[in-house]
Amino acid sequence: MVQSGTAAQTAAPAVESAGTPAGAGSGRREQNRTRLRHNVHATAWQLVNERGYDEVTVEDIAAGAGISVATFYRHFSGKDDVITRRWLSPERYGSLVDRIDVTYDMPRAVASLFSRYAAAVESYDVSLHTRLKTIHLDAGLRTAMARGREEDVQTLCDLFGRMIGVDPAVQPIQLAGAVTITARSTTMSYWAALDGSESLTDLLDECGRALAPMLTQCQVMALAAR
């Protein structure tokens, strides 16, 4: 977890200063944007750990991160956007889906998404294990995360539908999306219960293998129903 005072100290370089030389351009702006977002995420989780999800406001997060509320809303849509960080949030989904072959079958696509996610969370400012334990203890945060999982189901169904050329609303695709998101969530909870002593990569790999027969069957059924 970020120590008290760290967020405010690191916020200043995250905000792009006036007079950036021409040519420093998009690369520096993107670095500044990434630093700012990481700083806000870490600050938000620190505050939730200290006060509880329902007691933390956007104003609290912005103040802790050393930015204005207006700057906060230029980067995030609200508190949930910062703290819940859906598995397949638009930001993360964009970085993940660009790295998998959309001609994959559904089991291989899920295995690839799981693998890339496990690698990505190693860079979190607040450890994933700490976040999962916080979620377990905070009813308000659990409710917010549940909303995010529902959105993840639809995002995954859209990917499945695009991959195999079917309507993502058909029942086999909806079933595949719902079961995959539930299985992933259960695996993450199990990993947290083990205090992170097992490899997250290995657990998600095992989860993907267990899901594969069901995903294959759902794909066959969806194609047959076209």
Protein backbone atom coordinates (compact mmCIF):
# COMPACT_ATOMS: atom_id res chain seq x y z
CA MET A 1 0.00 0.00 0.00
CA VAL A 2 1.08 3.58 -0.61
CA GLN A 3 2.32 5.25 2.56
CA SER A 4 0.68 8.47 3.78
CA GLY A 5 1.99 11.47 1.92
CA THR A 6 3.35 9.51 -1.03
CA ALA A 7 0.36 10.18 -3.26
CA ALA A 8 0.56 13.93 -2.94
CA GLN A 9 4.34 13.92 -3.47
CA THR A 10 4.11 11.90 -6.66
CA ALA A 11 1.15 13.72 -8.14
CA ALA A 12 2.98 16.83 -9.32
CA PRO A 13 5.08 15.23 -12.10
CA ALA A 14 1.99 13.38 -13.30
CA VAL A 15 0.38 16.60 -14.51
CA GLU A 16 1.71 17.86 -17.81
CA SER A 17 3.33 21.23 -17.41
CA ALA A 18 2.88 24.16 -19.75
CA GLY A 19 5.55 24.79 -22.30
CA THR A 20 6.33 21.19 -23.21
CA PRO A 21 8.82 21.41 -26.08
CA ALA A 22 7.48 20.62 -29.52
CA GLY A 23 8.40 17.08 -30.41
CA ALA A 24 8.33 15.87 -26.79
CA GLY A 25 4.69 15.46 -27.73
CA SER A 26 2.50 12.44 -27.38
CA GLY A 27 5.07 10.17 -25.74
CA ARG A 28 5.58 12.49 -22.77
CA ARG A 29 1.87 13.22 -22.51
CA GLU A 30 1.09 9.52 -22.40
CA GLN A 31 3.73 8.93 -19.72
CA ASN A 32 2.29 11.78 -17.65
CA ARG A 33 -1.22 10.42 -18.12
CA THR A 34 -0.13 6.93 -17.04
CA ARG A 35 1.65 8.27 -13.94
CA LEU A 36 -1.37 10.36 -12.99
CA ARG A 37 -3.75 7.43 -13.38
CA HIS A 38 -1.51 5.10 -11.36
CA ASN A 39 -1.20 7.72 -8.64
CA VAL A 40 -4.98 8.19 -8.45
CA HIS A 41 -5.60 4.43 -8.37
CA ALA A 42 -3.10 3.95 -5.52
CA THR A 43 -4.51 6.91 -3.57
CA ALA A 44 -8.08 5.66 -3.96
CA TRP A 45 -7.22 2.20 -2.68
CA GLN A 46 -5.30 3.63 0.26
CA LEU A 47 -8.35 5.69 1.23
CA VAL A 48 -10.72 2.74 0.85
CA ASN A 49 -8.46 0.61 3.03
CA GLU A 50 -8.47 3.33 5.68
CA ARG A 51 -12.11 4.51 5.60
CA GLY A 52 -14.23 2.02 3.67
CA TYR A 53 -15.61 2.33 0.16
CA ASP A 54 -18.83 4.19 1.04
CA GLU A 55 -16.95 6.88 2.99
CA VAL A 56 -14.57 7.86 0.18
CA THR A 57 -15.60 10.58 -2.29
CA VAL A 58 -14.15 11.78 -5.57
CA GLU A 59 -13.11 14.96 -3.75
CA ASP A 60 -11.18 12.87 -1.21
CA ILE A 61 -9.38 10.96 -3.94
CA ALA A 62 -8.50 14.08 -5.90
CA ALA A 63 -7.18 15.85 -2.81
CA GLY A 64 -5.12 12.83 -1.77
CA ALA A 65 -3.63 12.57 -5.25
CA GLY A 66 -2.81 16.26 -5.37
CA ILE A 67 -5.02 17.06 -8.36
CA SER A 68 -8.18 19.07 -8.91
CA VAL A 69 -11.61 17.48 -9.19
CA ALA A 70 -11.77 18.78 -12.77
CA THR A 71 -8.53 16.95 -13.59
CA PHE A 72 -9.92 13.80 -11.98
CA TYR A 73 -12.95 13.87 -14.26
CA ARG A 74 -10.76 14.36 -17.32
CA HIS A 75 -9.34 10.89 -16.65
CA PHE A 76 -12.12 9.00 -14.85
CA SER A 77 -15.91 8.90 -14.99
CA GLY A 78 -16.28 8.57 -11.21
CA LYS A 79 -15.27 6.68 -8.09
CA ASP A 80 -16.23 3.26 -9.44
CA ASP A 81 -14.10 3.82 -12.52
CA VAL A 82 -11.04 4.26 -10.29
CA ILE A 83 -11.59 1.63 -7.65
CA THR A 84 -13.38 -1.28 -9.25
CA ARG A 85 -11.25 -1.41 -12.39
CA ARG A 86 -13.23 -4.15 -14.10
CA TRP A 87 -11.23 -7.07 -15.47
CA LEU A 88 -12.37 -6.07 -18.97
CA SER A 89 -12.64 -2.34 -18.44
CA PRO A 90 -12.35 -0.40 -21.73
CA GLU A 91 -8.77 0.60 -20.91
CA ARG A 92 -7.60 -2.91 -20.01
CA TYR A 93 -9.70 -4.66 -22.63
CA GLY A 94 -8.13 -2.55 -25.34
CA SER A 95 -4.63 -3.53 -24.24
CA LEU A 96 -5.53 -7.21 -23.91
CA VAL A 97 -7.63 -7.78 -27.02
CA ASP A 98 -5.00 -6.24 -29.28
CA ARG A 99 -2.62 -8.99 -28.18
CA ILE A 100 -4.78 -12.00 -28.90
CA ASP A 101 -5.71 -13.47 -32.24
CA VAL A 102 -9.44 -12.89 -32.69
CA THR A 103 -9.55 -16.01 -34.86
CA TYR A 104 -8.89 -18.05 -31.71
CA ASP A 105 -11.59 -20.39 -30.59
CA MET A 106 -13.27 -19.40 -27.33
CA PRO A 107 -11.20 -21.62 -24.98
CA ARG A 108 -7.90 -20.34 -26.40
CA ALA A 109 -9.10 -16.74 -26.24
CA VAL A 110 -10.03 -17.09 -22.55
CA ALA A 111 -6.72 -18.80 -21.77
CA SER A 112 -4.87 -15.93 -23.46
CA LEU A 113 -6.86 -13.27 -21.61
CA PHE A 114 -6.24 -15.02 -18.27
CA SER A 115 -2.53 -15.32 -18.95
CA ARG A 116 -2.09 -11.70 -19.94
CA TYR A 117 -4.14 -10.50 -16.98
CA ALA A 118 -2.01 -12.49 -14.51
CA ALA A 119 1.11 -10.89 -15.98
CA ALA A 120 -0.37 -7.38 -15.93
CA VAL A 121 -1.41 -7.33 -12.26
CA GLU A 122 2.20 -7.74 -11.16
CA SER A 123 2.65 -4.03 -11.91
CA TYR A 124 -0.21 -2.83 -9.68
CA ASP A 125 0.67 -0.04 -7.27
CA VAL A 126 -1.47 -1.69 -4.59
CA SER A 127 -1.05 -5.46 -4.66
CA LEU A 128 -3.93 -7.44 -6.08
CA HIS A 129 -3.93 -9.58 -2.97
CA THR A 130 -4.45 -6.49 -0.78
CA ARG A 131 -7.29 -5.37 -3.04
CA LEU A 132 -9.05 -8.72 -2.89
CA LYS A 133 -8.88 -8.80 0.89
CA THR A 134 -10.29 -5.27 1.03
CA ILE A 135 -13.16 -6.27 -1.28
CA HIS A 136 -13.95 -9.26 0.93
CA LEU A 137 -14.29 -7.04 4.00
CA ASP A 138 -16.20 -4.13 2.44
CA ALA A 139 -19.86 -4.68 1.51
CA GLY A 140 -20.12 -1.43 -0.48
CA LEU A 141 -17.10 -2.36 -2.55
CA ARG A 142 -18.43 -5.87 -3.17
CA THR A 143 -21.63 -4.36 -4.57
CA ALA A 144 -19.66 -2.06 -6.87
CA MET A 145 -17.52 -4.95 -8.06
CA ALA A 146 -20.62 -7.03 -8.80
CA ARG A 147 -21.84 -4.29 -11.15
CA GLY A 148 -18.49 -4.41 -12.89
CA ARG A 149 -18.71 -8.17 -13.35
CA GLU A 150 -22.06 -7.80 -15.11
CA GLU A 151 -20.44 -5.39 -17.55
CA ASP A 152 -17.52 -7.80 -18.00
CA VAL A 153 -19.94 -10.55 -19.02
CA GLN A 154 -21.30 -8.42 -21.85
CA THR A 155 -17.82 -7.33 -22.96
CA LEU A 156 -16.68 -10.96 -23.11
CA CYS A 157 -19.84 -12.01 -24.97
CA ASP A 158 -19.21 -9.26 -27.52
CA LEU A 159 -15.70 -10.62 -28.05
CA PHE A 160 -16.96 -14.20 -28.41
CA GLY A 161 -19.64 -13.11 -30.87
CA ARG A 162 -17.16 -11.15 -32.98
CA MET A 163 -14.68 -14.01 -32.97
CA ILE A 164 -17.01 -16.70 -34.25
CA GLY A 165 -19.45 -14.53 -36.19
CA VAL A 166 -22.62 -14.90 -34.14
CA ASP A 167 -24.99 -12.62 -32.28
CA PRO A 168 -23.46 -12.12 -28.79
CA ALA A 169 -26.98 -12.14 -27.31
CA VAL A 170 -27.65 -15.81 -28.16
CA GLN A 171 -28.00 -18.06 -25.13
CA PRO A 172 -24.85 -20.20 -25.58
CA ILE A 173 -22.66 -17.09 -25.81
CA GLN A 174 -24.33 -15.47 -22.80
CA LEU A 175 -23.86 -18.69 -20.83
CA ALA A 176 -20.19 -18.89 -21.82
CA GLY A 177 -19.58 -15.28 -20.77
CA ALA A 178 -21.38 -15.60 -17.44
CA VAL A 179 -19.69 -18.87 -16.46
CA THR A 180 -16.24 -17.56 -17.45
CA ILE A 181 -16.58 -14.37 -15.41
CA THR A 182 -17.93 -16.30 -12.40
CA ALA A 183 -15.14 -18.89 -12.61
CA ARG A 184 -12.50 -16.18 -12.82
CA SER A 185 -13.96 -14.35 -9.82
CA THR A 186 -14.06 -17.59 -7.80
CA THR A 187 -10.45 -18.33 -8.71
CA MET A 188 -9.36 -14.87 -7.60
CA SER A 189 -11.19 -15.28 -4.28
CA TYR A 190 -9.54 -18.67 -3.77
CA TRP A 191 -6.12 -17.17 -4.48
CA ALA A 192 -6.78 -14.44 -1.91
CA ALA A 193 -7.87 -17.06 0.66
CA LEU A 194 -4.50 -18.75 0.13
CA ASP A 195 -2.80 -15.42 0.97
CA GLY A 196 -1.29 -15.40 -2.51
CA SER A 197 0.87 -18.41 -1.70
CA GLU A 198 -0.03 -20.09 -4.99
CA SER A 199 0.86 -18.77 -8.42
CA LEU A 200 -1.99 -16.70 -9.85
CA THR A 201 -0.82 -17.61 -13.34
CA ASP A 202 -1.07 -21.32 -12.51
CA LEU A 203 -4.49 -20.99 -10.90
CA LEU A 204 -5.94 -19.06 -13.81
CA ASP A 205 -4.38 -21.52 -16.23
CA GLU A 206 -6.08 -24.35 -14.37
CA CYS A 207 -9.33 -22.38 -14.43
CA GLY A 208 -9.04 -21.92 -18.18
CA ARG A 209 -8.46 -25.64 -18.74
CA ALA A 210 -11.50 -26.50 -16.61
CA LEU A 211 -13.63 -24.06 -18.62
CA ALA A 212 -12.45 -25.30 -22.02
CA PRO A 213 -14.96 -28.15 -22.57
CA MET A 214 -17.90 -25.92 -21.66
CA LEU A 215 -16.65 -23.09 -23.87
CA THR A 216 -16.16 -25.47 -26.78
CA GLN A 217 -19.69 -26.82 -26.40
CA CYS A 218 -21.14 -23.30 -26.21
CA GLN A 219 -19.26 -22.36 -29.37
CA VAL A 220 -20.60 -25.43 -31.21
CA MET A 221 -24.17 -24.67 -30.08
CA ALA A 222 -23.91 -21.00 -31.05
CA LEU A 223 -22.61 -21.83 -34.52
CA ALA A 224 -25.31 -24.44 -35.02
CA ALA A 225 -28.00 -21.89 -34.16
CA ARG A 226 -26.92 -19.34 -36.80
